[in-house]
Amino acid sequence: MSTTPRDLTCRELVDFLMSYLDDELPDPERRAFEAHLELCEDCVSYLRSYEATVRLERRAFEAPEAPVPDDVPEELVTAILSSRR
């Protein structure tokens, strides 16, 4: 028996993003998520930017002891280090 996924709002879609990317959404929620994406170009764009952010974040932590590239502003490095304390 096939059920129609309930409508998902843009706000609800955001709540499910990480679970969707980690392939952890149960089938009904995944179907609702994907149905919403078929109708909402804004959420498709948001998902793409979120995926890129997650990819960059994961890549940044592949080698946490690697030296900071020369093109990164010193103010940014200082701000990041300050926020870690």
N, C-alpha and C. Protein backbone atom coordinates (compact mmCIF):
# COMPACT_ATOMS: atom_id res chain seq x y z
N MET A 1 0.84 -1.18 0.00
CA MET A 1 0.00 0.00 0.00
C MET A 1 0.88 1.24 0.00
N SER A 2 0.65 2.10 -0.93
CA SER A 2 1.45 3.32 -1.06
C SER A 2 0.69 4.48 -0.43
N THR A 3 1.40 5.28 0.32
CA THR A 3 0.76 6.45 0.92
C THR A 3 1.36 7.70 0.31
N THR A 4 0.56 8.73 0.22
CA THR A 4 1.03 10.01 -0.29
C THR A 4 1.72 10.76 0.83
N PRO A 5 2.93 11.28 0.58
CA PRO A 5 3.61 12.01 1.66
C PRO A 5 2.85 13.30 1.99
N ARG A 6 2.84 13.63 3.25
CA ARG A 6 2.19 14.88 3.64
C ARG A 6 3.02 16.04 3.15
N ASP A 7 2.40 17.19 3.02
CA ASP A 7 3.12 18.39 2.59
C ASP A 7 4.11 18.81 3.66
N LEU A 8 5.26 19.20 3.22
CA LEU A 8 6.33 19.64 4.11
C LEU A 8 6.56 21.13 3.86
N THR A 9 6.68 21.90 4.91
CA THR A 9 6.96 23.33 4.74
C THR A 9 8.46 23.53 4.55
N CYS A 10 8.83 24.70 4.08
CA CYS A 10 10.26 25.03 3.92
C CYS A 10 10.97 24.95 5.26
N ARG A 11 10.36 25.44 6.31
CA ARG A 11 10.97 25.41 7.64
C ARG A 11 11.20 23.96 8.11
N GLU A 12 10.23 23.10 7.86
CA GLU A 12 10.39 21.69 8.24
C GLU A 12 11.50 21.04 7.42
N LEU A 13 11.60 21.39 6.15
CA LEU A 13 12.65 20.83 5.31
C LEU A 13 14.01 21.13 5.91
N VAL A 14 14.21 22.34 6.37
CA VAL A 14 15.49 22.72 6.98
C VAL A 14 15.79 21.84 8.20
N ASP A 15 14.77 21.52 8.97
CA ASP A 15 14.96 20.67 10.14
C ASP A 15 15.45 19.27 9.79
N PHE A 16 15.13 18.82 8.59
CA PHE A 16 15.48 17.46 8.15
C PHE A 16 16.76 17.39 7.33
N LEU A 17 17.39 18.52 7.02
CA LEU A 17 18.52 18.53 6.08
C LEU A 17 19.63 17.54 6.41
N MET A 18 20.15 17.60 7.60
CA MET A 18 21.29 16.75 7.93
C MET A 18 20.90 15.27 7.91
N SER A 19 19.73 14.95 8.41
CA SER A 19 19.27 13.56 8.37
C SER A 19 19.11 13.09 6.94
N TYR A 20 18.63 13.97 6.08
CA TYR A 20 18.49 13.62 4.67
C TYR A 20 19.86 13.37 4.04
N LEU A 21 20.80 14.25 4.28
CA LEU A 21 22.14 14.09 3.70
C LEU A 21 22.84 12.86 4.25
N ASP A 22 22.56 12.51 5.48
CA ASP A 22 23.16 11.31 6.10
C ASP A 22 22.37 10.04 5.79
N ASP A 23 21.33 10.18 4.95
CA ASP A 23 20.48 9.06 4.56
C ASP A 23 19.86 8.37 5.78
N GLU A 24 19.40 9.19 6.73
CA GLU A 24 18.81 8.67 7.97
C GLU A 24 17.32 8.97 8.11
N LEU A 25 16.70 9.55 7.08
CA LEU A 25 15.27 9.85 7.17
C LEU A 25 14.45 8.59 6.89
N PRO A 26 13.46 8.32 7.72
CA PRO A 26 12.54 7.21 7.42
C PRO A 26 11.84 7.49 6.08
N ASP A 27 11.38 6.45 5.42
CA ASP A 27 10.79 6.59 4.08
C ASP A 27 9.71 7.66 3.97
N PRO A 28 8.74 7.73 4.88
CA PRO A 28 7.69 8.75 4.70
C PRO A 28 8.25 10.18 4.72
N GLU A 29 9.19 10.46 5.62
CA GLU A 29 9.77 11.79 5.68
C GLU A 29 10.66 12.07 4.46
N ARG A 30 11.39 11.05 4.01
CA ARG A 30 12.23 11.22 2.83
C ARG A 30 11.38 11.53 1.60
N ARG A 31 10.26 10.80 1.45
CA ARG A 31 9.37 11.05 0.32
C ARG A 31 8.79 12.47 0.39
N ALA A 32 8.40 12.90 1.59
CA ALA A 32 7.87 14.25 1.75
C ALA A 32 8.94 15.29 1.44
N PHE A 33 10.16 15.03 1.89
CA PHE A 33 11.30 15.92 1.65
C PHE A 33 11.53 16.06 0.15
N GLU A 34 11.60 14.94 -0.55
CA GLU A 34 11.88 14.96 -1.98
C GLU A 34 10.71 15.54 -2.78
N ALA A 35 9.49 15.31 -2.31
CA ALA A 35 8.32 15.90 -2.98
C ALA A 35 8.36 17.42 -2.86
N HIS A 36 8.76 17.91 -1.70
CA HIS A 36 8.88 19.36 -1.50
C HIS A 36 9.95 19.93 -2.44
N LEU A 37 11.06 19.24 -2.57
CA LEU A 37 12.14 19.71 -3.44
C LEU A 37 11.69 19.80 -4.90
N GLU A 38 10.80 18.94 -5.31
CA GLU A 38 10.28 18.98 -6.68
C GLU A 38 9.47 20.24 -6.94
N LEU A 39 8.95 20.84 -5.88
CA LEU A 39 8.07 22.00 -6.03
C LEU A 39 8.71 23.32 -5.61
N CYS A 40 9.85 23.28 -4.93
CA CYS A 40 10.39 24.50 -4.33
C CYS A 40 11.86 24.71 -4.73
N GLU A 41 12.06 25.56 -5.72
CA GLU A 41 13.41 25.84 -6.21
C GLU A 41 14.27 26.53 -5.13
N ASP A 42 13.65 27.32 -4.27
CA ASP A 42 14.40 27.96 -3.18
C ASP A 42 15.02 26.91 -2.26
N CYS A 43 14.27 25.88 -1.94
CA CYS A 43 14.79 24.83 -1.06
C CYS A 43 15.85 23.98 -1.77
N VAL A 44 15.71 23.81 -3.08
CA VAL A 44 16.74 23.10 -3.85
C VAL A 44 18.04 23.89 -3.76
N SER A 45 17.97 25.19 -3.95
CA SER A 45 19.16 26.04 -3.85
C SER A 45 19.76 25.99 -2.45
N TYR A 46 18.89 26.04 -1.44
CA TYR A 46 19.37 25.98 -0.06
C TYR A 46 20.06 24.65 0.21
N LEU A 47 19.46 23.55 -0.26
CA LEU A 47 20.05 22.23 -0.07
C LEU A 47 21.43 22.16 -0.73
N ARG A 48 21.54 22.68 -1.94
CA ARG A 48 22.84 22.66 -2.64
C ARG A 48 23.90 23.45 -1.87
N SER A 49 23.54 24.61 -1.36
CA SER A 49 24.52 25.41 -0.62
C SER A 49 24.87 24.72 0.70
N TYR A 50 23.89 24.08 1.33
CA TYR A 50 24.12 23.35 2.58
C TYR A 50 25.06 22.17 2.33
N GLU A 51 24.82 21.44 1.22
CA GLU A 51 25.69 20.32 0.87
C GLU A 51 27.12 20.79 0.66
N ALA A 52 27.28 21.91 -0.03
CA ALA A 52 28.63 22.45 -0.27
C ALA A 52 29.29 22.84 1.04
N THR A 53 28.55 23.44 1.94
CA THR A 53 29.09 23.83 3.25
C THR A 53 29.54 22.61 4.04
N VAL A 54 28.72 21.58 4.07
CA VAL A 54 29.07 20.35 4.79
C VAL A 54 30.33 19.73 4.19
N ARG A 55 30.39 19.68 2.86
CA ARG A 55 31.56 19.13 2.18
C ARG A 55 32.83 19.90 2.55
N LEU A 56 32.75 21.24 2.52
CA LEU A 56 33.91 22.06 2.86
C LEU A 56 34.30 21.90 4.32
N GLU A 57 33.30 21.82 5.19
CA GLU A 57 33.58 21.65 6.62
C GLU A 57 34.30 20.33 6.87
N ARG A 58 33.81 19.28 6.25
CA ARG A 58 34.45 17.97 6.43
C ARG A 58 35.87 17.97 5.89
N ARG A 59 36.06 18.63 4.76
CA ARG A 59 37.40 18.70 4.18
C ARG A 59 38.34 19.51 5.06
N ALA A 60 37.82 20.54 5.69
CA ALA A 60 38.64 21.40 6.55
C ALA A 60 39.17 20.63 7.75
N PHE A 61 38.45 19.60 8.18
CA PHE A 61 38.87 18.85 9.37
C PHE A 61 39.60 17.55 9.04
N GLU A 62 39.90 17.34 7.74
CA GLU A 62 40.66 16.15 7.37
C GLU A 62 42.06 16.18 7.97
N ALA A 63 42.65 17.37 8.03
CA ALA A 63 44.00 17.53 8.56
C ALA A 63 44.03 18.77 9.46
N PRO A 64 43.46 18.66 10.68
CA PRO A 64 43.35 19.84 11.55
C PRO A 64 44.69 20.46 11.94
N GLU A 65 45.77 19.71 11.85
CA GLU A 65 47.08 20.24 12.22
C GLU A 65 47.83 20.84 11.03
N ALA A 66 47.20 20.81 9.86
CA ALA A 66 47.86 21.36 8.66
C ALA A 66 48.03 22.87 8.83
N PRO A 67 49.08 23.44 8.24
CA PRO A 67 49.28 24.88 8.36
C PRO A 67 48.16 25.66 7.66
N VAL A 68 47.89 26.83 8.15
CA VAL A 68 46.88 27.70 7.57
C VAL A 68 47.46 28.27 6.26
N PRO A 69 46.69 28.21 5.17
CA PRO A 69 47.19 28.76 3.90
C PRO A 69 47.51 30.25 4.03
N ASP A 70 48.50 30.70 3.25
CA ASP A 70 48.95 32.09 3.32
C ASP A 70 47.88 33.10 2.94
N ASP A 71 46.90 32.70 2.14
CA ASP A 71 45.88 33.66 1.69
C ASP A 71 44.73 33.85 2.68
N VAL A 72 44.79 33.18 3.82
CA VAL A 72 43.76 33.37 4.85
C VAL A 72 44.16 34.59 5.70
N PRO A 73 43.26 35.58 5.80
CA PRO A 73 43.59 36.78 6.58
C PRO A 73 43.90 36.46 8.04
N GLU A 74 44.93 37.10 8.57
CA GLU A 74 45.35 36.88 9.95
C GLU A 74 44.22 37.20 10.94
N GLU A 75 43.40 38.21 10.61
CA GLU A 75 42.28 38.57 11.50
C GLU A 75 41.29 37.42 11.62
N LEU A 76 41.09 36.70 10.52
CA LEU A 76 40.18 35.56 10.55
C LEU A 76 40.74 34.45 11.43
N VAL A 77 42.02 34.16 11.29
CA VAL A 77 42.67 33.13 12.11
C VAL A 77 42.56 33.50 13.58
N THR A 78 42.84 34.75 13.91
CA THR A 78 42.77 35.23 15.30
C THR A 78 41.35 35.08 15.84
N ALA A 79 40.35 35.46 15.04
CA ALA A 79 38.95 35.37 15.49
C ALA A 79 38.55 33.92 15.74
N ILE A 80 38.95 33.04 14.86
CA ILE A 80 38.62 31.62 15.03
C ILE A 80 39.27 31.06 16.28
N LEU A 81 40.54 31.35 16.46
CA LEU A 81 41.25 30.85 17.64
C LEU A 81 40.66 31.42 18.92
N SER A 82 40.26 32.68 18.91
CA SER A 82 39.65 33.30 20.09
C SER A 82 38.32 32.65 20.45
N SER A 83 37.56 32.27 19.42
CA SER A 83 36.25 31.69 19.69
C SER A 83 36.37 30.26 20.22
N ARG A 84 37.50 29.62 20.00
CA ARG A 84 37.69 28.24 20.47
C ARG A 84 38.01 28.19 21.96
N ARG A 85 38.43 29.30 22.54
CA ARG A 85 38.82 29.31 23.95
C ARG A 85 37.65 29.34 24.88
